[in-house]
Every structure is written in C-alpha cells, then in structure tokens.
Amino acid sequence: RQAPGKERAFVAAITWSDGVTYYADSVKGRFTISRDDAKNTV
C-alpha cells in the first residue's frame, strides 16, 4: 500500500503453492490474505 506522500510499503504476502502467509506488524490481527486456486485469485 502507498499513502499520499509515503513510500510503498509491504502489507501481506502468501505463497501460491502452500498458502503460507506473512503480515506487516501494523495489520496483524486485522487483515487476512488468502487465495482461491480455482479462481486464480488472491
């Protein structure tokens, strides 16, 4: 994500193959990343 006047910052990531997730400290417990293999969508 990139707010006005700020640098682009990491929020979350997921591995497509195994679904392991990673989160920035600022969003842990609030944001959830997931994937749907059938829809090729994150």
PDB file of all heavy atoms in Angstrom:
ATOM      1  N   ARG A   1       0.839  -1.194   0.000  1.00  0.00           N
ATOM      2  CA  ARG A   1       0.000   0.000   0.000  1.00  0.00           C
ATOM      3  C   ARG A   1       0.874   1.243   0.000  1.00  0.00           C
ATOM      4  O   ARG A   1       1.994   1.242   0.492  1.00  0.00           O
ATOM      5  CB  ARG A   1      -0.958   0.020   1.192  1.00  0.00           C
ATOM      6  CG  ARG A   1      -0.289   0.105   2.559  1.00  0.00           C
ATOM      7  CD  ARG A   1      -1.341  -0.015   3.662  1.00  0.00           C
ATOM      8  NE  ARG A   1      -0.763   0.097   4.990  1.00  0.00           N
ATOM      9  CZ  ARG A   1      -1.448  -0.054   6.113  1.00  0.00           C
ATOM     10  NH1 ARG A   1      -2.753  -0.330   6.076  1.00  0.00           N
ATOM     11  NH2 ARG A   1      -0.840   0.068   7.291  1.00  0.00           N
ATOM     12  N   GLN A   2       0.320   2.314  -0.567  1.00  0.00           N
ATOM     13  CA  GLN A   2       1.033   3.575  -0.659  1.00  0.00           C
ATOM     14  C   GLN A   2       0.076   4.714  -0.344  1.00  0.00           C
ATOM     15  O   GLN A   2      -0.875   4.959  -1.087  1.00  0.00           O
ATOM     16  CB  GLN A   2       1.652   3.762  -2.046  1.00  0.00           C
ATOM     17  CG  GLN A   2       2.546   4.976  -2.162  1.00  0.00           C
ATOM     18  CD  GLN A   2       3.378   4.960  -3.429  1.00  0.00           C
ATOM     19  OE1 GLN A   2       3.049   4.273  -4.399  1.00  0.00           O
ATOM     20  NE2 GLN A   2       4.461   5.702  -3.435  1.00  0.00           N
ATOM     21  N   ALA A   3       0.328   5.391   0.763  1.00  0.00           N
ATOM     22  CA  ALA A   3      -0.445   6.552   1.158  1.00  0.00           C
ATOM     23  C   ALA A   3       0.150   7.797   0.506  1.00  0.00           C
ATOM     24  O   ALA A   3       1.325   7.804   0.119  1.00  0.00           O
ATOM     25  CB  ALA A   3      -0.451   6.691   2.675  1.00  0.00           C
ATOM     26  N   PRO A   4      -0.636   8.875   0.382  1.00  0.00           N
ATOM     27  CA  PRO A   4      -0.110  10.101  -0.220  1.00  0.00           C
ATOM     28  C   PRO A   4       1.144  10.596   0.488  1.00  0.00           C
ATOM     29  O   PRO A   4       1.172  10.707   1.716  1.00  0.00           O
ATOM     30  CB  PRO A   4      -1.261  11.093  -0.061  1.00  0.00           C
ATOM     31  CG  PRO A   4      -2.483  10.237  -0.026  1.00  0.00           C
ATOM     32  CD  PRO A   4      -2.065   8.994   0.715  1.00  0.00           C
ATOM     33  N   GLY A   5       2.192  10.872  -0.272  1.00  0.00           N
ATOM     34  CA  GLY A   5       3.434  11.359   0.285  1.00  0.00           C
ATOM     35  C   GLY A   5       4.281  10.312   0.964  1.00  0.00           C
ATOM     36  O   GLY A   5       5.325  10.652   1.538  1.00  0.00           O
ATOM     37  N   LYS A   6       3.872   9.052   0.925  1.00  0.00           N
ATOM     38  CA  LYS A   6       4.598   7.976   1.579  1.00  0.00           C
ATOM     39  C   LYS A   6       5.134   6.988   0.548  1.00  0.00           C
ATOM     40  O   LYS A   6       4.652   6.916  -0.579  1.00  0.00           O
ATOM     41  CB  LYS A   6       3.701   7.232   2.565  1.00  0.00           C
ATOM     42  CG  LYS A   6       3.077   8.104   3.643  1.00  0.00           C
ATOM     43  CD  LYS A   6       4.110   8.627   4.614  1.00  0.00           C
ATOM     44  CE  LYS A   6       3.451   9.383   5.751  1.00  0.00           C
ATOM     45  NZ  LYS A   6       4.449   9.897   6.722  1.00  0.00           N
ATOM     46  N   GLU A   7       6.143   6.222   0.958  1.00  0.00           N
ATOM     47  CA  GLU A   7       6.671   5.172   0.106  1.00  0.00           C
ATOM     48  C   GLU A   7       5.753   3.955   0.144  1.00  0.00           C
ATOM     49  O   GLU A   7       5.026   3.734   1.107  1.00  0.00           O
ATOM     50  CB  GLU A   7       8.084   4.780   0.544  1.00  0.00           C
ATOM     51  CG  GLU A   7       9.121   5.868   0.360  1.00  0.00           C
ATOM     52  CD  GLU A   7      10.520   5.409   0.698  1.00  0.00           C
ATOM     53  OE1 GLU A   7      10.659   4.312   1.266  1.00  0.00           O
ATOM     54  OE2 GLU A   7      11.467   6.138   0.389  1.00  0.00           O
ATOM     55  N   ARG A   8       5.809   3.178  -0.920  1.00  0.00           N
ATOM     56  CA  ARG A   8       5.031   1.949  -0.973  1.00  0.00           C
ATOM     57  C   ARG A   8       5.549   0.962   0.070  1.00  0.00           C
ATOM     58  O   ARG A   8       6.748   0.720   0.173  1.00  0.00           O
ATOM     59  CB  ARG A   8       5.107   1.348  -2.374  1.00  0.00           C
ATOM     60  CG  ARG A   8       4.077   0.269  -2.649  1.00  0.00           C
ATOM     61  CD  ARG A   8       4.040  -0.087  -4.138  1.00  0.00           C
ATOM     62  NE  ARG A   8       3.690   1.064  -4.958  1.00  0.00           N
ATOM     63  CZ  ARG A   8       3.527   1.023  -6.273  1.00  0.00           C
ATOM     64  NH1 ARG A   8       3.673  -0.121  -6.920  1.00  0.00           N
ATOM     65  NH2 ARG A   8       3.218   2.124  -6.944  1.00  0.00           N
ATOM     66  N   ALA A   9       4.640   0.384   0.858  1.00  0.00           N
ATOM     67  CA  ALA A   9       5.012  -0.450   1.987  1.00  0.00           C
ATOM     68  C   ALA A   9       4.337  -1.816   1.916  1.00  0.00           C
ATOM     69  O   ALA A   9       3.205  -1.947   1.449  1.00  0.00           O
ATOM     70  CB  ALA A   9       4.656   0.240   3.304  1.00  0.00           C
ATOM     71  N   PHE A  10       5.030  -2.813   2.426  1.00  0.00           N
ATOM     72  CA  PHE A  10       4.523  -4.175   2.466  1.00  0.00           C
ATOM     73  C   PHE A  10       3.352  -4.297   3.431  1.00  0.00           C
ATOM     74  O   PHE A  10       3.374  -3.728   4.523  1.00  0.00           O
ATOM     75  CB  PHE A  10       5.642  -5.126   2.889  1.00  0.00           C
ATOM     76  CG  PHE A  10       5.201  -6.531   3.145  1.00  0.00           C
ATOM     77  CD1 PHE A  10       4.959  -7.400   2.095  1.00  0.00           C
ATOM     78  CD2 PHE A  10       5.018  -6.993   4.433  1.00  0.00           C
ATOM     79  CE1 PHE A  10       4.553  -8.706   2.319  1.00  0.00           C
ATOM     80  CE2 PHE A  10       4.613  -8.291   4.679  1.00  0.00           C
ATOM     81  CZ  PHE A  10       4.380  -9.145   3.619  1.00  0.00           C
ATOM     82  N   VAL A  11       2.345  -5.059   3.038  1.00  0.00           N
ATOM     83  CA  VAL A  11       1.187  -5.318   3.875  1.00  0.00           C
ATOM     84  C   VAL A  11       1.083  -6.799   4.230  1.00  0.00           C
ATOM     85  O   VAL A  11       1.009  -7.162   5.400  1.00  0.00           O
ATOM     86  CB  VAL A  11      -0.116  -4.857   3.195  1.00  0.00           C
ATOM     87  CG1 VAL A  11      -1.328  -5.247   4.039  1.00  0.00           C
ATOM     88  CG2 VAL A  11      -0.085  -3.353   2.957  1.00  0.00           C
ATOM     89  N   ALA A  12       1.066  -7.657   3.223  1.00  0.00           N
ATOM     90  CA  ALA A  12       0.898  -9.088   3.452  1.00  0.00           C
ATOM     91  C   ALA A  12       1.352  -9.853   2.227  1.00  0.00           C
ATOM     92  O   ALA A  12       1.421  -9.303   1.126  1.00  0.00           O
ATOM     93  CB  ALA A  12      -0.564  -9.426   3.777  1.00  0.00           C
ATOM     94  N   ALA A  13       1.648 -11.133   2.404  1.00  0.00           N
ATOM     95  CA  ALA A  13       2.038 -11.986   1.292  1.00  0.00           C
ATOM     96  C   ALA A  13       1.565 -13.407   1.544  1.00  0.00           C
ATOM     97  O   ALA A  13       1.352 -13.812   2.691  1.00  0.00           O
ATOM     98  CB  ALA A  13       3.551 -11.961   1.082  1.00  0.00           C
ATOM     99  N   ILE A  14       1.416 -14.153   0.465  1.00  0.00           N
ATOM    100  CA  ILE A  14       1.030 -15.548   0.544  1.00  0.00           C
ATOM    101  C   ILE A  14       1.759 -16.310  -0.549  1.00  0.00           C
ATOM    102  O   ILE A  14       1.933 -15.807  -1.652  1.00  0.00           O
ATOM    103  CB  ILE A  14      -0.505 -15.716   0.422  1.00  0.00           C
ATOM    104  CG1 ILE A  14      -0.922 -17.166   0.682  1.00  0.00           C
ATOM    105  CG2 ILE A  14      -0.999 -15.249  -0.941  1.00  0.00           C
ATOM    106  CD1 ILE A  14      -2.431 -17.334   0.848  1.00  0.00           C
ATOM    107  N   THR A  15       2.193 -17.521  -0.231  1.00  0.00           N
ATOM    108  CA  THR A  15       2.794 -18.371  -1.245  1.00  0.00           C
ATOM    109  C   THR A  15       1.687 -19.120  -1.968  1.00  0.00           C
ATOM    110  O   THR A  15       0.820 -19.728  -1.334  1.00  0.00           O
ATOM    111  CB  THR A  15       3.795 -19.351  -0.626  1.00  0.00           C
ATOM    112  OG1 THR A  15       3.138 -20.188   0.341  1.00  0.00           O
ATOM    113  CG2 THR A  15       4.921 -18.600   0.072  1.00  0.00           C
ATOM    114  N   TRP A  16       1.703 -19.067  -3.287  1.00  0.00           N
ATOM    115  CA  TRP A  16       0.641 -19.689  -4.057  1.00  0.00           C
ATOM    116  C   TRP A  16       0.623 -21.198  -3.884  1.00  0.00           C
ATOM    117  O   TRP A  16      -0.440 -21.813  -3.850  1.00  0.00           O
ATOM    118  CB  TRP A  16       0.788 -19.330  -5.536  1.00  0.00           C
ATOM    119  CG  TRP A  16      -0.478 -19.512  -6.296  1.00  0.00           C
ATOM    120  CD1 TRP A  16      -0.936 -20.655  -6.872  1.00  0.00           C
ATOM    121  CD2 TRP A  16      -1.463 -18.501  -6.553  1.00  0.00           C
ATOM    122  NE1 TRP A  16      -2.144 -20.432  -7.471  1.00  0.00           N
ATOM    123  CE2 TRP A  16      -2.502 -19.124  -7.299  1.00  0.00           C
ATOM    124  CE3 TRP A  16      -1.581 -17.150  -6.236  1.00  0.00           C
ATOM    125  CZ2 TRP A  16      -3.632 -18.426  -7.719  1.00  0.00           C
ATOM    126  CZ3 TRP A  16      -2.696 -16.455  -6.651  1.00  0.00           C
ATOM    127  CH2 TRP A  16      -3.699 -17.088  -7.382  1.00  0.00           C
ATOM    128  N   SER A  17       1.796 -21.797  -3.751  1.00  0.00           N
ATOM    129  CA  SER A  17       1.898 -23.243  -3.713  1.00  0.00           C
ATOM    130  C   SER A  17       1.413 -23.861  -2.410  1.00  0.00           C
ATOM    131  O   SER A  17       0.760 -24.905  -2.427  1.00  0.00           O
ATOM    132  CB  SER A  17       3.342 -23.675  -3.971  1.00  0.00           C
ATOM    133  OG  SER A  17       4.227 -23.081  -3.039  1.00  0.00           O
ATOM    134  N   ASP A  18       1.717 -23.237  -1.262  1.00  0.00           N
ATOM    135  CA  ASP A  18       1.370 -23.842   0.018  1.00  0.00           C
ATOM    136  C   ASP A  18       0.509 -22.961   0.921  1.00  0.00           C
ATOM    137  O   ASP A  18       0.071 -23.419   1.982  1.00  0.00           O
ATOM    138  CB  ASP A  18       2.624 -24.282   0.775  1.00  0.00           C
ATOM    139  CG  ASP A  18       3.620 -23.170   0.988  1.00  0.00           C
ATOM    140  OD1 ASP A  18       3.237 -21.985   0.876  1.00  0.00           O
ATOM    141  OD2 ASP A  18       4.791 -23.475   1.266  1.00  0.00           O
ATOM    142  N   GLY A  19       0.273 -21.725   0.552  1.00  0.00           N
ATOM    143  CA  GLY A  19      -0.622 -20.859   1.301  1.00  0.00           C
ATOM    144  C   GLY A  19      -0.066 -20.291   2.589  1.00  0.00           C
ATOM    145  O   GLY A  19      -0.839 -19.794   3.417  1.00  0.00           O
ATOM    146  N   VAL A  20       1.241 -20.344   2.795  1.00  0.00           N
ATOM    147  CA  VAL A  20       1.848 -19.738   3.970  1.00  0.00           C
ATOM    148  C   VAL A  20       1.715 -18.222   3.879  1.00  0.00           C
ATOM    149  O   VAL A  20       1.947 -17.636   2.822  1.00  0.00           O
ATOM    150  CB  VAL A  20       3.321 -20.145   4.104  1.00  0.00           C
ATOM    151  CG1 VAL A  20       3.984 -19.419   5.272  1.00  0.00           C
ATOM    152  CG2 VAL A  20       3.432 -21.652   4.293  1.00  0.00           C
ATOM    153  N   THR A  21       1.336 -17.588   4.982  1.00  0.00           N
ATOM    154  CA  THR A  21       1.052 -16.156   4.981  1.00  0.00           C
ATOM    155  C   THR A  21       2.031 -15.374   5.838  1.00  0.00           C
ATOM    156  O   THR A  21       2.588 -15.885   6.810  1.00  0.00           O
ATOM    157  CB  THR A  21      -0.372 -15.884   5.476  1.00  0.00           C
ATOM    158  OG1 THR A  21      -0.530 -16.401   6.801  1.00  0.00           O
ATOM    159  CG2 THR A  21      -1.393 -16.552   4.563  1.00  0.00           C
ATOM    160  N   TYR A  22       2.207 -14.096   5.480  1.00  0.00           N
ATOM    161  CA  TYR A  22       3.092 -13.176   6.189  1.00  0.00           C
ATOM    162  C   TYR A  22       2.412 -11.821   6.244  1.00  0.00           C
ATOM    163  O   TYR A  22       1.774 -11.398   5.277  1.00  0.00           O
ATOM    164  CB  TYR A  22       4.450 -13.079   5.488  1.00  0.00           C
ATOM    165  CG  TYR A  22       5.152 -14.403   5.349  1.00  0.00           C
ATOM    166  CD1 TYR A  22       4.851 -15.248   4.298  1.00  0.00           C
ATOM    167  CD2 TYR A  22       6.096 -14.807   6.284  1.00  0.00           C
ATOM    168  CE1 TYR A  22       5.475 -16.480   4.168  1.00  0.00           C
ATOM    169  CE2 TYR A  22       6.729 -16.038   6.158  1.00  0.00           C
ATOM    170  CZ  TYR A  22       6.415 -16.866   5.108  1.00  0.00           C
ATOM    171  OH  TYR A  22       7.031 -18.086   4.986  1.00  0.00           O
ATOM    172  N   TYR A  23       2.572 -11.110   7.379  1.00  0.00           N
ATOM    173  CA  TYR A  23       1.899  -9.834   7.575  1.00  0.00           C
ATOM    174  C   TYR A  23       2.836  -8.790   8.164  1.00  0.00           C
ATOM    175  O   TYR A  23       3.713  -9.104   8.973  1.00  0.00           O
ATOM    176  CB  TYR A  23       0.707  -9.985   8.521  1.00  0.00           C
ATOM    177  CG  TYR A  23      -0.381 -10.888   8.012  1.00  0.00           C
ATOM    178  CD1 TYR A  23      -0.413 -12.228   8.363  1.00  0.00           C
ATOM    179  CD2 TYR A  23      -1.381 -10.396   7.183  1.00  0.00           C
ATOM    180  CE1 TYR A  23      -1.414 -13.063   7.895  1.00  0.00           C
ATOM    181  CE2 TYR A  23      -2.389 -11.221   6.714  1.00  0.00           C
ATOM    182  CZ  TYR A  23      -2.399 -12.561   7.073  1.00  0.00           C
ATOM    183  OH  TYR A  23      -3.397 -13.381   6.612  1.00  0.00           O
ATOM    184  N   ALA A  24       2.618  -7.543   7.769  1.00  0.00           N
ATOM    185  CA  ALA A  24       3.267  -6.439   8.441  1.00  0.00           C
ATOM    186  C   ALA A  24       2.695  -6.300   9.846  1.00  0.00           C
ATOM    187  O   ALA A  24       1.523  -6.604  10.089  1.00  0.00           O
ATOM    188  CB  ALA A  24       3.064  -5.143   7.665  1.00  0.00           C
ATOM    189  N   ASP A  25       3.517  -5.836  10.782  1.00  0.00           N
ATOM    190  CA  ASP A  25       3.075  -5.708  12.170  1.00  0.00           C
ATOM    191  C   ASP A  25       1.850  -4.806  12.300  1.00  0.00           C
ATOM    192  O   ASP A  25       0.987  -5.038  13.151  1.00  0.00           O
ATOM    193  CB  ASP A  25       4.208  -5.169  13.041  1.00  0.00           C
ATOM    194  CG  ASP A  25       5.315  -6.175  13.260  1.00  0.00           C
ATOM    195  OD1 ASP A  25       5.077  -7.385  13.056  1.00  0.00           O
ATOM    196  OD2 ASP A  25       6.421  -5.763  13.650  1.00  0.00           O
ATOM    197  N   SER A  26       1.752  -3.799  11.464  1.00  0.00           N
ATOM    198  CA  SER A  26       0.673  -2.830  11.569  1.00  0.00           C
ATOM    199  C   SER A  26      -0.701  -3.394  11.229  1.00  0.00           C
ATOM    200  O   SER A  26      -1.714  -2.783  11.565  1.00  0.00           O
ATOM    201  CB  SER A  26       0.966  -1.624  10.669  1.00  0.00           C
ATOM    202  OG  SER A  26       1.080  -2.023   9.318  1.00  0.00           O
ATOM    203  N   VAL A  27      -0.743  -4.557  10.568  1.00  0.00           N
ATOM    204  CA  VAL A  27      -2.027  -5.114  10.149  1.00  0.00           C
ATOM    205  C   VAL A  27      -2.309  -6.482  10.748  1.00  0.00           C
ATOM    206  O   VAL A  27      -3.395  -7.035  10.513  1.00  0.00           O
ATOM    207  CB  VAL A  27      -2.129  -5.191   8.613  1.00  0.00           C
ATOM    208  CG1 VAL A  27      -1.874  -3.828   7.992  1.00  0.00           C
ATOM    209  CG2 VAL A  27      -1.159  -6.232   8.057  1.00  0.00           C
ATOM    210  N   LYS A  28      -1.391  -7.026  11.516  1.00  0.00           N
ATOM    211  CA  LYS A  28      -1.603  -8.341  12.125  1.00  0.00           C
ATOM    212  C   LYS A  28      -2.845  -8.328  13.012  1.00  0.00           C
ATOM    213  O   LYS A  28      -3.049  -7.419  13.800  1.00  0.00           O
ATOM    214  CB  LYS A  28      -0.383  -8.758  12.950  1.00  0.00           C
ATOM    215  CG  LYS A  28       0.813  -9.184  12.125  1.00  0.00           C
ATOM    216  CD  LYS A  28       1.975  -9.600  13.013  1.00  0.00           C
ATOM    217  CE  LYS A  28       3.165 -10.044  12.192  1.00  0.00           C
ATOM    218  NZ  LYS A  28       4.328 -10.401  13.044  1.00  0.00           N
ATOM    219  N   GLY A  29      -3.672  -9.346  12.857  1.00  0.00           N
ATOM    220  CA  GLY A  29      -4.900  -9.442  13.618  1.00  0.00           C
ATOM    221  C   GLY A  29      -6.069  -8.707  13.000  1.00  0.00           C
ATOM    222  O   GLY A  29      -7.209  -8.883  13.457  1.00  0.00           O
ATOM    223  N   ARG A  30      -5.829  -7.887  11.984  1.00  0.00           N
ATOM    224  CA  ARG A  30      -6.894  -7.134  11.332  1.00  0.00           C
ATOM    225  C   ARG A  30      -7.083  -7.531   9.864  1.00  0.00           C
ATOM    226  O   ARG A  30      -8.213  -7.557   9.383  1.00  0.00           O
ATOM    227  CB  ARG A  30      -6.619  -5.634  11.404  1.00  0.00           C
ATOM    228  CG  ARG A  30      -6.551  -5.088  12.831  1.00  0.00           C
ATOM    229  CD  ARG A  30      -6.513  -3.563  12.835  1.00  0.00           C
ATOM    230  NE  ARG A  30      -5.335  -3.040  12.138  1.00  0.00           N
ATOM    231  CZ  ARG A  30      -5.395  -2.200  11.110  1.00  0.00           C
ATOM    232  NH1 ARG A  30      -6.570  -1.785  10.649  1.00  0.00           N
ATOM    233  NH2 ARG A  30      -4.278  -1.752  10.550  1.00  0.00           N
ATOM    234  N   PHE A  31      -5.990  -7.797   9.166  1.00  0.00           N
ATOM    235  CA  PHE A  31      -6.049  -8.146   7.751  1.00  0.00           C
ATOM    236  C   PHE A  31      -5.765  -9.635   7.579  1.00  0.00           C
ATOM    237  O   PHE A  31      -4.981 -10.228   8.330  1.00  0.00           O
ATOM    238  CB  PHE A  31      -5.024  -7.352   6.946  1.00  0.00           C
ATOM    239  CG  PHE A  31      -5.272  -5.876   6.867  1.00  0.00           C
ATOM    240  CD1 PHE A  31      -6.312  -5.277   7.550  1.00  0.00           C
ATOM    241  CD2 PHE A  31      -4.448  -5.074   6.091  1.00  0.00           C
ATOM    242  CE1 PHE A  31      -6.536  -3.914   7.478  1.00  0.00           C
ATOM    243  CE2 PHE A  31      -4.653  -3.717   6.002  1.00  0.00           C
ATOM    244  CZ  PHE A  31      -5.693  -3.128   6.691  1.00  0.00           C
ATOM    245  N   THR A  32      -6.377 -10.236   6.565  1.00  0.00           N
ATOM    246  CA  THR A  32      -6.164 -11.635   6.258  1.00  0.00           C
ATOM    247  C   THR A  32      -5.965 -11.802   4.762  1.00  0.00           C
ATOM    248  O   THR A  32      -6.802 -11.369   3.974  1.00  0.00           O
ATOM    249  CB  THR A  32      -7.343 -12.502   6.715  1.00  0.00           C
ATOM    250  OG1 THR A  32      -7.565 -12.328   8.119  1.00  0.00           O
ATOM    251  CG2 THR A  32      -7.053 -13.975   6.443  1.00  0.00           C
ATOM    252  N   ILE A  33      -4.864 -12.425   4.378  1.00  0.00           N
ATOM    253  CA  ILE A  33      -4.617 -12.724   2.978  1.00  0.00           C
ATOM    254  C   ILE A  33      -4.958 -14.186   2.723  1.00  0.00           C
ATOM    255  O   ILE A  33      -4.701 -15.056   3.562  1.00  0.00           O
ATOM    256  CB  ILE A  33      -3.157 -12.406   2.579  1.00  0.00           C
ATOM    257  CG1 ILE A  33      -2.964 -12.512   1.064  1.00  0.00           C
ATOM    258  CG2 ILE A  33      -2.169 -13.292   3.323  1.00  0.00           C
ATOM    259  CD1 ILE A  33      -1.619 -11.980   0.575  1.00  0.00           C
ATOM    260  N   SER A  34      -5.557 -14.461   1.580  1.00  0.00           N
ATOM    261  CA  SER A  34      -5.952 -15.821   1.242  1.00  0.00           C
ATOM    262  C   SER A  34      -5.929 -15.992  -0.269  1.00  0.00           C
ATOM    263  O   SER A  34      -5.738 -15.027  -1.009  1.00  0.00           O
ATOM    264  CB  SER A  34      -7.338 -16.151   1.804  1.00  0.00           C
ATOM    265  OG  SER A  34      -8.325 -15.286   1.262  1.00  0.00           O
ATOM    266  N   ARG A  35      -6.121 -17.222  -0.715  1.00  0.00           N
ATOM    267  CA  ARG A  35      -6.133 -17.499  -2.145  1.00  0.00           C
ATOM    268  C   ARG A  35      -7.220 -18.496  -2.492  1.00  0.00           C
ATOM    269  O   ARG A  35      -7.649 -19.294  -1.657  1.00  0.00           O
ATOM    270  CB  ARG A  35      -4.763 -18.024  -2.598  1.00  0.00           C
ATOM    271  CG  ARG A  35      -4.308 -19.286  -1.839  1.00  0.00           C
ATOM    272  CD  ARG A  35      -3.336 -20.090  -2.637  1.00  0.00           C
ATOM    273  NE  ARG A  35      -2.629 -21.175  -1.967  1.00  0.00           N
ATOM    274  CZ  ARG A  35      -3.154 -22.177  -1.300  1.00  0.00           C
ATOM    275  NH1 ARG A  35      -4.440 -22.229  -1.059  1.00  0.00           N
ATOM    276  NH2 ARG A  35      -2.393 -23.147  -0.801  1.00  0.00           N
ATOM    277  N   ASP A  36      -7.665 -18.452  -3.742  1.00  0.00           N
ATOM    278  CA  ASP A  36      -8.635 -19.384  -4.289  1.00  0.00           C
ATOM    279  C   ASP A  36      -8.023 -19.933  -5.572  1.00  0.00           C
ATOM    280  O   ASP A  36      -8.001 -19.242  -6.593  1.00  0.00           O
ATOM    281  CB  ASP A  36      -9.967 -18.699  -4.558  1.00  0.00           C
ATOM    282  CG  ASP A  36     -11.054 -19.659  -4.982  1.00  0.00           C
ATOM    283  OD1 ASP A  36     -10.748 -20.696  -5.595  1.00  0.00           O
ATOM    284  OD2 ASP A  36     -12.234 -19.379  -4.705  1.00  0.00           O
ATOM    285  N   ASP A  37      -7.532 -21.163  -5.505  1.00  0.00           N
ATOM    286  CA  ASP A  37      -6.847 -21.747  -6.658  1.00  0.00           C
ATOM    287  C   ASP A  37      -7.769 -21.865  -7.875  1.00  0.00           C
ATOM    288  O   ASP A  37      -7.343 -21.642  -9.010  1.00  0.00           O
ATOM    289  CB  ASP A  37      -6.294 -23.124  -6.297  1.00  0.00           C
ATOM    290  CG  ASP A  37      -5.158 -23.064  -5.303  1.00  0.00           C
ATOM    291  OD1 ASP A  37      -4.565 -21.979  -5.132  1.00  0.00           O
ATOM    292  OD2 ASP A  37      -4.847 -24.104  -4.691  1.00  0.00           O
ATOM    293  N   ALA A  38      -9.025 -22.227  -7.654  1.00  0.00           N
ATOM    294  CA  ALA A  38      -9.959 -22.414  -8.755  1.00  0.00           C
ATOM    295  C   ALA A  38     -10.206 -21.124  -9.518  1.00  0.00           C
ATOM    296  O   ALA A  38     -10.459 -21.148 -10.724  1.00  0.00           O
ATOM    297  CB  ALA A  38     -11.277 -22.986  -8.242  1.00  0.00           C
ATOM    298  N   LYS A  39     -10.144 -19.990  -8.829  1.00  0.00           N
ATOM    299  CA  LYS A  39     -10.399 -18.694  -9.453  1.00  0.00           C
ATOM    300  C   LYS A  39      -9.121 -17.932  -9.779  1.00  0.00           C
ATOM    301  O   LYS A  39      -9.197 -16.818 -10.298  1.00  0.00           O
ATOM    302  CB  LYS A  39     -11.276 -17.842  -8.543  1.00  0.00           C
ATOM    303  CG  LYS A  39     -12.663 -18.418  -8.300  1.00  0.00           C
ATOM    304  CD  LYS A  39     -13.492 -17.509  -7.409  1.00  0.00           C
ATOM    305  CE  LYS A  39     -14.881 -18.067  -7.192  1.00  0.00           C
ATOM    306  NZ  LYS A  39     -15.701 -17.195  -6.319  1.00  0.00           N
ATOM    307  N   ASN A  40      -7.967 -18.515  -9.466  1.00  0.00           N
ATOM    308  CA  ASN A  40      -6.678 -17.841  -9.680  1.00  0.00           C
ATOM    309  C   ASN A  40      -6.683 -16.439  -9.069  1.00  0.00           C
ATOM    310  O   ASN A  40      -6.213 -15.473  -9.675  1.00  0.00           O
ATOM    311  CB  ASN A  40      -6.345 -17.765 -11.171  1.00  0.00           C
ATOM    312  CG  ASN A  40      -6.121 -19.125 -11.791  1.00  0.00           C
ATOM    313  OD1 ASN A  40      -5.650 -20.051 -11.131  1.00  0.00           O
ATOM    314  ND2 ASN A  40      -6.449 -19.257 -13.063  1.00  0.00           N
ATOM    315  N   THR A  41      -7.196 -16.347  -7.862  1.00  0.00           N
ATOM    316  CA  THR A  41      -7.408 -15.059  -7.223  1.00  0.00           C
ATOM    317  C   THR A  41      -6.837 -15.051  -5.816  1.00  0.00           C
ATOM    318  O   THR A  41      -6.989 -16.019  -5.075  1.00  0.00           O
ATOM    319  CB  THR A  41      -8.902 -14.716  -7.179  1.00  0.00           C
ATOM    320  OG1 THR A  41      -9.414 -14.657  -8.515  1.00  0.00           O
ATOM    321  CG2 THR A  41      -9.138 -13.377  -6.508  1.00  0.00           C
ATOM    322  N   VAL A  42      -6.202 -13.946  -5.463  1.00  0.00           N
ATOM    323  CA  VAL A  42      -5.717 -13.696  -4.115  1.00  0.00           C
ATOM    324  C   VAL A  42      -6.574 -12.597  -3.500  1.00  0.00           C
ATOM    325  O   VAL A  42      -6.917 -11.621  -4.167  1.00  0.00           O
ATOM    326  CB  VAL A  42      -4.231 -13.293  -4.123  1.00  0.00           C
ATOM    327  CG1 VAL A  42      -3.763 -12.932  -2.718  1.00  0.00           C
ATOM    328  CG2 VAL A  42      -3.382 -14.422  -4.685  1.00  0.00           C
TER     329      VAL A  42
END
